[in-house]
Amino acid sequence: SIAAMFALTDRALGIDARHFRIYVALCLGHFWRGDMNKSVEAGRQAVALNPSSAEAYESLSAALCHLGIAHEAEECARICLRLTPVDPRLHRFHFLLAQALLGQRRFEESLGHLMNALSARPHDIVMLGYRTVLLGHLGRTEEARACLDAYLGKRGFKTADDYRRLYVRNSALTELNLEGLRKAGWEV
């Protein structure tokens, strides 16, 4: 649970407050609580402690993107790709980049990176949702509608409020994603 994560990070801070992974964990804990400002703060601390860690930049990129600082999130995601160009987590870095580009309304470029991520995880339901959003924004209606049907069939959302409840709390992308889903044909 998130509470257990915070309890463990508190203990770890008492042992070695200069280990970057503690701040990565804090960044993720605050992220899932929906406190993006604290998440970014912890992510920045992780990067400061280990500026050669793709893991630190990855957590910071996610927090920045969902706080609405998409340009800086893009920079962090690109640093991840530069630091570890042959990493088993490469699809995650492409996914972060896709989210950051979506936040900047650079839909075509975002879709390219999302498709890189999807090639590694073709059955990932979250990525299918993002693909639906991007296709909707791009006006590729037939393809978007097919993705939407598959996505809603797997997620079971009935209303926009269902989506808001299950998506990342306090995310700057929520309404942009809903707009893309509507453009894909979701009548909510």
C-alpha atoms as a PDB file:
ATOM      1  CA  SER A   1       0.000   0.000   0.000  1.00  0.00           C
ATOM      2  CA  ILE A   2       1.027   3.630  -0.341  1.00  0.00           C
ATOM      3  CA  ALA A   3       0.995   4.043   3.448  1.00  0.00           C
ATOM      4  CA  ALA A   4       3.444   1.129   3.791  1.00  0.00           C
ATOM      5  CA  MET A   5       5.661   2.691   1.117  1.00  0.00           C
ATOM      6  CA  PHE A   6       5.817   5.950   3.077  1.00  0.00           C
ATOM      7  CA  ALA A   7       6.569   4.071   6.318  1.00  0.00           C
ATOM      8  CA  LEU A   8       9.457   2.261   4.632  1.00  0.00           C
ATOM      9  CA  THR A   9      10.835   5.430   3.065  1.00  0.00           C
ATOM     10  CA  ASP A  10      10.729   7.153   6.467  1.00  0.00           C
ATOM     11  CA  ARG A  11      12.792   4.300   7.919  1.00  0.00           C
ATOM     12  CA  ALA A  12      15.185   4.403   4.963  1.00  0.00           C
ATOM     13  CA  LEU A  13      15.633   8.176   5.328  1.00  0.00           C
ATOM     14  CA  GLY A  14      16.773   7.556   8.907  1.00  0.00           C
ATOM     15  CA  ILE A  15      19.420   5.132   7.662  1.00  0.00           C
ATOM     16  CA  ASP A  16      20.737   6.927   4.551  1.00  0.00           C
ATOM     17  CA  ALA A  17      18.985  10.131   3.474  1.00  0.00           C
ATOM     18  CA  ARG A  18      21.300  10.484   0.466  1.00  0.00           C
ATOM     19  CA  HIS A  19      20.190   7.380  -1.439  1.00  0.00           C
ATOM     20  CA  PHE A  20      18.361   8.423  -4.591  1.00  0.00           C
ATOM     21  CA  ARG A  21      16.016   5.415  -4.608  1.00  0.00           C
ATOM     22  CA  ILE A  22      14.354   6.666  -1.429  1.00  0.00           C
ATOM     23  CA  TYR A  23      13.357   9.797  -3.330  1.00  0.00           C
ATOM     24  CA  VAL A  24      12.217   7.749  -6.319  1.00  0.00           C
ATOM     25  CA  ALA A  25       9.922   5.858  -3.926  1.00  0.00           C
ATOM     26  CA  LEU A  26       8.691   9.127  -2.391  1.00  0.00           C
ATOM     27  CA  CYS A  27       8.093  10.529  -5.863  1.00  0.00           C
ATOM     28  CA  LEU A  28       5.972   7.512  -6.780  1.00  0.00           C
ATOM     29  CA  GLY A  29       4.111   7.511  -3.461  1.00  0.00           C
ATOM     30  CA  HIS A  30       3.163  11.170  -3.798  1.00  0.00           C
ATOM     31  CA  PHE A  31       2.291  10.565  -7.463  1.00  0.00           C
ATOM     32  CA  TRP A  32      -0.231   7.835  -6.634  1.00  0.00           C
ATOM     33  CA  ARG A  33      -1.662   9.958  -3.823  1.00  0.00           C
ATOM     34  CA  GLY A  34      -2.237  12.706  -6.389  1.00  0.00           C
ATOM     35  CA  ASP A  35       0.155  15.194  -4.803  1.00  0.00           C
ATOM     36  CA  MET A  36       2.061  16.116  -7.944  1.00  0.00           C
ATOM     37  CA  ASN A  37       3.939  19.052  -6.391  1.00  0.00           C
ATOM     38  CA  LYS A  38       5.495  16.829  -3.708  1.00  0.00           C
ATOM     39  CA  SER A  39       6.057  14.143  -6.316  1.00  0.00           C
ATOM     40  CA  VAL A  40       8.045  16.561  -8.491  1.00  0.00           C
ATOM     41  CA  GLU A  41      10.008  17.767  -5.457  1.00  0.00           C
ATOM     42  CA  ALA A  42      11.016  14.202  -4.551  1.00  0.00           C
ATOM     43  CA  GLY A  43      11.793  13.410  -8.202  1.00  0.00           C
ATOM     44  CA  ARG A  44      14.069  16.449  -8.447  1.00  0.00           C
ATOM     45  CA  GLN A  45      15.866  15.291  -5.296  1.00  0.00           C
ATOM     46  CA  ALA A  46      16.365  11.809  -6.800  1.00  0.00           C
ATOM     47  CA  VAL A  47      17.878  13.334  -9.944  1.00  0.00           C
ATOM     48  CA  ALA A  48      20.103  15.664  -7.882  1.00  0.00           C
ATOM     49  CA  LEU A  49      21.448  12.683  -5.919  1.00  0.00           C
ATOM     50  CA  ASN A  50      22.037  10.551  -9.020  1.00  0.00           C
ATOM     51  CA  PRO A  51      21.973  12.511 -12.282  1.00  0.00           C
ATOM     52  CA  SER A  52      23.074   9.446 -14.253  1.00  0.00           C
ATOM     53  CA  SER A  53      20.032   7.373 -13.214  1.00  0.00           C
ATOM     54  CA  ALA A  54      17.340   6.764 -15.800  1.00  0.00           C
ATOM     55  CA  GLU A  55      15.133   5.543 -12.943  1.00  0.00           C
ATOM     56  CA  ALA A  56      15.343   8.967 -11.240  1.00  0.00           C
ATOM     57  CA  TYR A  57      14.554  10.825 -14.467  1.00  0.00           C
ATOM     58  CA  GLU A  58      11.720   8.377 -15.209  1.00  0.00           C
ATOM     59  CA  SER A  59       9.923   9.118 -11.941  1.00  0.00           C
ATOM     60  CA  LEU A  60      10.471  12.868 -12.350  1.00  0.00           C
ATOM     61  CA  SER A  61       9.174  12.780 -15.931  1.00  0.00           C
ATOM     62  CA  ALA A  62       5.920  11.100 -14.885  1.00  0.00           C
ATOM     63  CA  ALA A  63       5.364  13.597 -12.060  1.00  0.00           C
ATOM     64  CA  LEU A  64       6.119  16.619 -14.264  1.00  0.00           C
ATOM     65  CA  CYS A  65       3.832  15.384 -17.030  1.00  0.00           C
ATOM     66  CA  HIS A  66       0.863  14.880 -14.750  1.00  0.00           C
ATOM     67  CA  LEU A  67       1.531  18.214 -13.029  1.00  0.00           C
ATOM     68  CA  GLY A  68       1.220  19.840 -16.460  1.00  0.00           C
ATOM     69  CA  ILE A  69       4.883  20.665 -17.060  1.00  0.00           C
ATOM     70  CA  ALA A  70       4.994  18.604 -20.239  1.00  0.00           C
ATOM     71  CA  HIS A  71       7.997  20.269 -21.887  1.00  0.00           C
ATOM     72  CA  GLU A  72      10.279  19.454 -18.947  1.00  0.00           C
ATOM     73  CA  ALA A  73       8.727  15.976 -18.719  1.00  0.00           C
ATOM     74  CA  GLU A  74       9.714  15.471 -22.365  1.00  0.00           C
ATOM     75  CA  GLU A  75      13.301  16.518 -21.589  1.00  0.00           C
ATOM     76  CA  CYS A  76      13.478  14.000 -18.721  1.00  0.00           C
ATOM     77  CA  ALA A  77      12.067  11.188 -20.882  1.00  0.00           C
ATOM     78  CA  ARG A  78      14.619  11.959 -23.612  1.00  0.00           C
ATOM     79  CA  ILE A  79      17.391  11.839 -20.991  1.00  0.00           C
ATOM     80  CA  CYS A  80      16.161   8.352 -20.002  1.00  0.00           C
ATOM     81  CA  LEU A  81      16.484   7.256 -23.626  1.00  0.00           C
ATOM     82  CA  ARG A  82      19.999   8.723 -23.878  1.00  0.00           C
ATOM     83  CA  LEU A  83      21.193   7.228 -20.592  1.00  0.00           C
ATOM     84  CA  THR A  84      20.044   3.685 -21.367  1.00  0.00           C
ATOM     85  CA  PRO A  85      19.429   3.171 -25.105  1.00  0.00           C
ATOM     86  CA  VAL A  86      19.351  -0.621 -24.652  1.00  0.00           C
ATOM     87  CA  ASP A  87      17.314  -1.042 -21.511  1.00  0.00           C
ATOM     88  CA  PRO A  88      14.593  -3.611 -20.856  1.00  0.00           C
ATOM     89  CA  ARG A  89      12.482  -0.660 -19.678  1.00  0.00           C
ATOM     90  CA  LEU A  90      12.868   1.196 -22.984  1.00  0.00           C
ATOM     91  CA  HIS A  91       9.140   0.851 -23.703  1.00  0.00           C
ATOM     92  CA  ARG A  92       8.414   2.739 -20.465  1.00  0.00           C
ATOM     93  CA  PHE A  93      10.600   5.639 -21.574  1.00  0.00           C
ATOM     94  CA  HIS A  94       8.787   5.782 -24.921  1.00  0.00           C
ATOM     95  CA  PHE A  95       5.491   5.739 -23.027  1.00  0.00           C
ATOM     96  CA  LEU A  96       6.624   8.658 -20.843  1.00  0.00           C
ATOM     97  CA  LEU A  97       7.672  10.544 -23.954  1.00  0.00           C
ATOM     98  CA  ALA A  98       4.295   9.830 -25.566  1.00  0.00           C
ATOM     99  CA  GLN A  99       2.519  11.232 -22.501  1.00  0.00           C
ATOM    100  CA  ALA A 100       4.710  14.360 -22.422  1.00  0.00           C
ATOM    101  CA  LEU A 101       4.103  14.985 -26.134  1.00  0.00           C
ATOM    102  CA  LEU A 102       0.361  14.447 -25.640  1.00  0.00           C
ATOM    103  CA  GLY A 103       0.487  17.089 -22.911  1.00  0.00           C
ATOM    104  CA  GLN A 104       1.954  19.471 -25.497  1.00  0.00           C
ATOM    105  CA  ARG A 105      -0.703  18.489 -28.060  1.00  0.00           C
ATOM    106  CA  ARG A 106       1.948  17.041 -30.370  1.00  0.00           C
ATOM    107  CA  PHE A 107      -0.342  14.137 -31.169  1.00  0.00           C
ATOM    108  CA  GLU A 108       1.352  12.606 -34.229  1.00  0.00           C
ATOM    109  CA  GLU A 109       4.765  12.535 -32.578  1.00  0.00           C
ATOM    110  CA  SER A 110       3.198  11.184 -29.398  1.00  0.00           C
ATOM    111  CA  LEU A 111       1.539   8.350 -31.323  1.00  0.00           C
ATOM    112  CA  GLY A 112       4.894   7.352 -32.825  1.00  0.00           C
ATOM    113  CA  HIS A 113       6.447   6.908 -29.399  1.00  0.00           C
ATOM    114  CA  LEU A 114       3.348   5.186 -28.068  1.00  0.00           C
ATOM    115  CA  MET A 115       3.530   2.664 -30.906  1.00  0.00           C
ATOM    116  CA  ASN A 116       7.164   1.941 -29.915  1.00  0.00           C
ATOM    117  CA  ALA A 117       5.933   1.216 -26.398  1.00  0.00           C
ATOM    118  CA  LEU A 118       2.998  -0.863 -27.667  1.00  0.00           C
ATOM    119  CA  SER A 119       5.302  -3.020 -29.782  1.00  0.00           C
ATOM    120  CA  ALA A 120       6.880  -4.224 -26.529  1.00  0.00           C
ATOM    121  CA  ARG A 121       3.545  -4.516 -24.680  1.00  0.00           C
ATOM    122  CA  PRO A 122       0.815  -5.085 -27.292  1.00  0.00           C
ATOM    123  CA  HIS A 123      -1.861  -6.100 -24.769  1.00  0.00           C
ATOM    124  CA  ASP A 124      -1.327  -3.224 -22.323  1.00  0.00           C
ATOM    125  CA  ILE A 125      -4.780  -1.761 -21.642  1.00  0.00           C
ATOM    126  CA  VAL A 126      -3.451   1.619 -20.459  1.00  0.00           C
ATOM    127  CA  MET A 127      -1.483   2.055 -23.671  1.00  0.00           C
ATOM    128  CA  LEU A 128      -4.561   1.031 -25.674  1.00  0.00           C
ATOM    129  CA  GLY A 129      -6.401   3.856 -23.921  1.00  0.00           C
ATOM    130  CA  TYR A 130      -3.711   6.336 -24.876  1.00  0.00           C
ATOM    131  CA  ARG A 131      -3.763   5.071 -28.448  1.00  0.00           C
ATOM    132  CA  THR A 132      -7.510   5.677 -28.520  1.00  0.00           C
ATOM    133  CA  VAL A 133      -7.019   9.198 -27.146  1.00  0.00           C
ATOM    134  CA  LEU A 134      -4.336  10.042 -29.698  1.00  0.00           C
ATOM    135  CA  LEU A 135      -6.246   8.615 -32.663  1.00  0.00           C
ATOM    136  CA  GLY A 136      -9.277  10.610 -31.545  1.00  0.00           C
ATOM    137  CA  HIS A 137      -7.262  13.819 -31.401  1.00  0.00           C
ATOM    138  CA  LEU A 138      -5.775  13.071 -34.813  1.00  0.00           C
ATOM    139  CA  GLY A 139      -9.248  12.610 -36.338  1.00  0.00           C
ATOM    140  CA  ARG A 140      -8.552   9.034 -37.422  1.00  0.00           C
ATOM    141  CA  THR A 141     -12.121   8.116 -36.542  1.00  0.00           C
ATOM    142  CA  GLU A 142     -12.492   4.558 -37.823  1.00  0.00           C
ATOM    143  CA  GLU A 143      -9.269   3.387 -36.220  1.00  0.00           C
ATOM    144  CA  ALA A 144     -10.038   5.387 -33.061  1.00  0.00           C
ATOM    145  CA  ARG A 145     -13.518   3.862 -32.792  1.00  0.00           C
ATOM    146  CA  ALA A 146     -12.161   0.322 -33.075  1.00  0.00           C
ATOM    147  CA  CYS A 147      -9.621   1.074 -30.315  1.00  0.00           C
ATOM    148  CA  LEU A 148     -12.321   2.736 -28.214  1.00  0.00           C
ATOM    149  CA  ASP A 149     -14.572  -0.315 -28.404  1.00  0.00           C
ATOM    150  CA  ALA A 150     -11.706  -2.608 -27.337  1.00  0.00           C
ATOM    151  CA  TYR A 151     -10.614  -0.202 -24.596  1.00  0.00           C
ATOM    152  CA  LEU A 152     -14.062   0.310 -23.081  1.00  0.00           C
ATOM    153  CA  GLY A 153     -14.750  -3.421 -23.335  1.00  0.00           C
ATOM    154  CA  LYS A 154     -11.705  -4.111 -21.169  1.00  0.00           C
ATOM    155  CA  ARG A 155     -11.981  -1.154 -18.775  1.00  0.00           C
ATOM    156  CA  GLY A 156     -15.733  -1.042 -18.322  1.00  0.00           C
ATOM    157  CA  PHE A 157     -16.011   2.739 -18.039  1.00  0.00           C
ATOM    158  CA  LYS A 158     -19.593   3.953 -18.353  1.00  0.00           C
ATOM    159  CA  THR A 159     -19.143   7.652 -17.586  1.00  0.00           C
ATOM    160  CA  ALA A 160     -16.489  10.353 -17.644  1.00  0.00           C
ATOM    161  CA  ASP A 161     -16.631  10.297 -13.840  1.00  0.00           C
ATOM    162  CA  ASP A 162     -15.690   6.584 -13.911  1.00  0.00           C
ATOM    163  CA  TYR A 163     -12.630   7.552 -15.935  1.00  0.00           C
ATOM    164  CA  ARG A 164     -11.743  10.420 -13.614  1.00  0.00           C
ATOM    165  CA  ARG A 165     -12.017   8.137 -10.558  1.00  0.00           C
ATOM    166  CA  LEU A 166      -9.713   5.467 -11.981  1.00  0.00           C
ATOM    167  CA  TYR A 167      -7.178   7.667 -13.765  1.00  0.00           C
ATOM    168  CA  VAL A 168      -4.176   9.258 -12.045  1.00  0.00           C
ATOM    169  CA  ARG A 169      -5.538  11.593  -9.342  1.00  0.00           C
ATOM    170  CA  ASN A 170      -5.112  15.305 -10.047  1.00  0.00           C
ATOM    171  CA  SER A 171      -3.510  14.685 -13.436  1.00  0.00           C
ATOM    172  CA  ALA A 172      -3.188  17.537 -15.902  1.00  0.00           C
ATOM    173  CA  LEU A 173      -3.901  14.996 -18.670  1.00  0.00           C
ATOM    174  CA  THR A 174      -7.341  13.869 -17.472  1.00  0.00           C
ATOM    175  CA  GLU A 175      -9.507  16.295 -19.441  1.00  0.00           C
ATOM    176  CA  LEU A 176      -7.272  16.137 -22.529  1.00  0.00           C
ATOM    177  CA  ASN A 177      -7.616  12.343 -22.470  1.00  0.00           C
ATOM    178  CA  LEU A 178     -11.397  12.584 -22.095  1.00  0.00           C
ATOM    179  CA  GLU A 179     -11.512  14.999 -25.029  1.00  0.00           C
ATOM    180  CA  GLY A 180      -9.611  12.462 -27.158  1.00  0.00           C
ATOM    181  CA  LEU A 181     -11.931   9.648 -26.083  1.00  0.00           C
ATOM    182  CA  ARG A 182     -14.945  11.765 -27.045  1.00  0.00           C
ATOM    183  CA  LYS A 183     -13.382  12.526 -30.423  1.00  0.00           C
ATOM    184  CA  ALA A 184     -12.901   8.768 -30.827  1.00  0.00           C
ATOM    185  CA  GLY A 185     -16.659   8.375 -30.427  1.00  0.00           C
ATOM    186  CA  TRP A 186     -17.262   7.936 -26.701  1.00  0.00           C
ATOM    187  CA  GLU A 187     -20.610   9.523 -26.027  1.00  0.00           C
ATOM    188  CA  VAL A 188     -20.316  10.679 -22.412  1.00  0.00           C
END
